[in-house]
């Protein structure tokens, strides 16, 4: 019987795969899904009976911690702790699932199919595709990832879906998981959402005036009372030569649009097959607004008014572009 009671994990594909491996290895069947900001803002209690995956290290100690985001390691160091001394494992891998898999592989017997499951997590979370065609090719991992993005319902229903998905991934190869009726139905819903997402992206995407090389696309939803839900990487279907995409929007709290500013950024698929020094996570860390890894990152700026938000938005775009050009 495991001394750990619950897995607290990121509410995305990598978080699901990580939780499935930990759950199998430690025989844990309780799962809690959340995002990085909920951890950094200590919105709920985490104890030493919890295993935390693909998220920052919590304010209070947890039982085991697994992560692959460089900013999380730096945050731990700034708090006076040695990341190597924290129970669990940190490594700058393409996915947290890889970190978890490598940690448990020589400790417990894991199913053979976990190797291919983790490879899919590496590919998707690291966005390691060689071309648009490679990215768009349907694979078991993309079906399951699409299903996560196609979940309907309230937060409780979404969490129940994710719990069921973790249990499936824990027991079955991804190609079998993707054939299960409710998973396939959620994936089909996502496919239907893509057309709407593409329209929203095309409507609001623009190049920067001071970016004559047209390396970066900005998708700005700050003018919306409720920003539409998109996957910003779909912008690379419209602009395949673009090297990065930025999405900016105001978060909604309690049904009301705030004046805070959320920003997220991803590298373009055209950079995956060439050597470069672009690092989105490093940009977020240098700006001291968030974190990420080389291929993607996100941050938040708290603003007291709309005027302050608009000013911060303009400055932020300039700062991102400056740091981007400095990464030669």
Foldseek 3Di string as FASTA:
>chain_A
DALAAEEEFELALLRLLLLLLCCLLRVYQHYHYDAQVCQAVVVDDADQSYEYFQYAQHPYHHVEYFHQWPVSCVVCVVVVDHQVPRHYDYHNALGSSVSSCVVCVVPDDADPLSVVSVVLRSCVSNVQAQAPCRVPDDDLSVLQRLLLVQDDDDPVSSVVVSSVLSNDVSPDHSVVSSVDVSSVVSNVSSVVCQVVQVVLQVVQWDADPPPVVRQEIEREPQVPFDRDDHDQLCVCVVVVRHQKYKYKYFDADPNGGALKIKMKMFTHSNCSVDDFQAAAQVLCVVVPFWGDTRGMIMGIGHDDDNVRSVVVVVVSVVSSVVVRVVRD
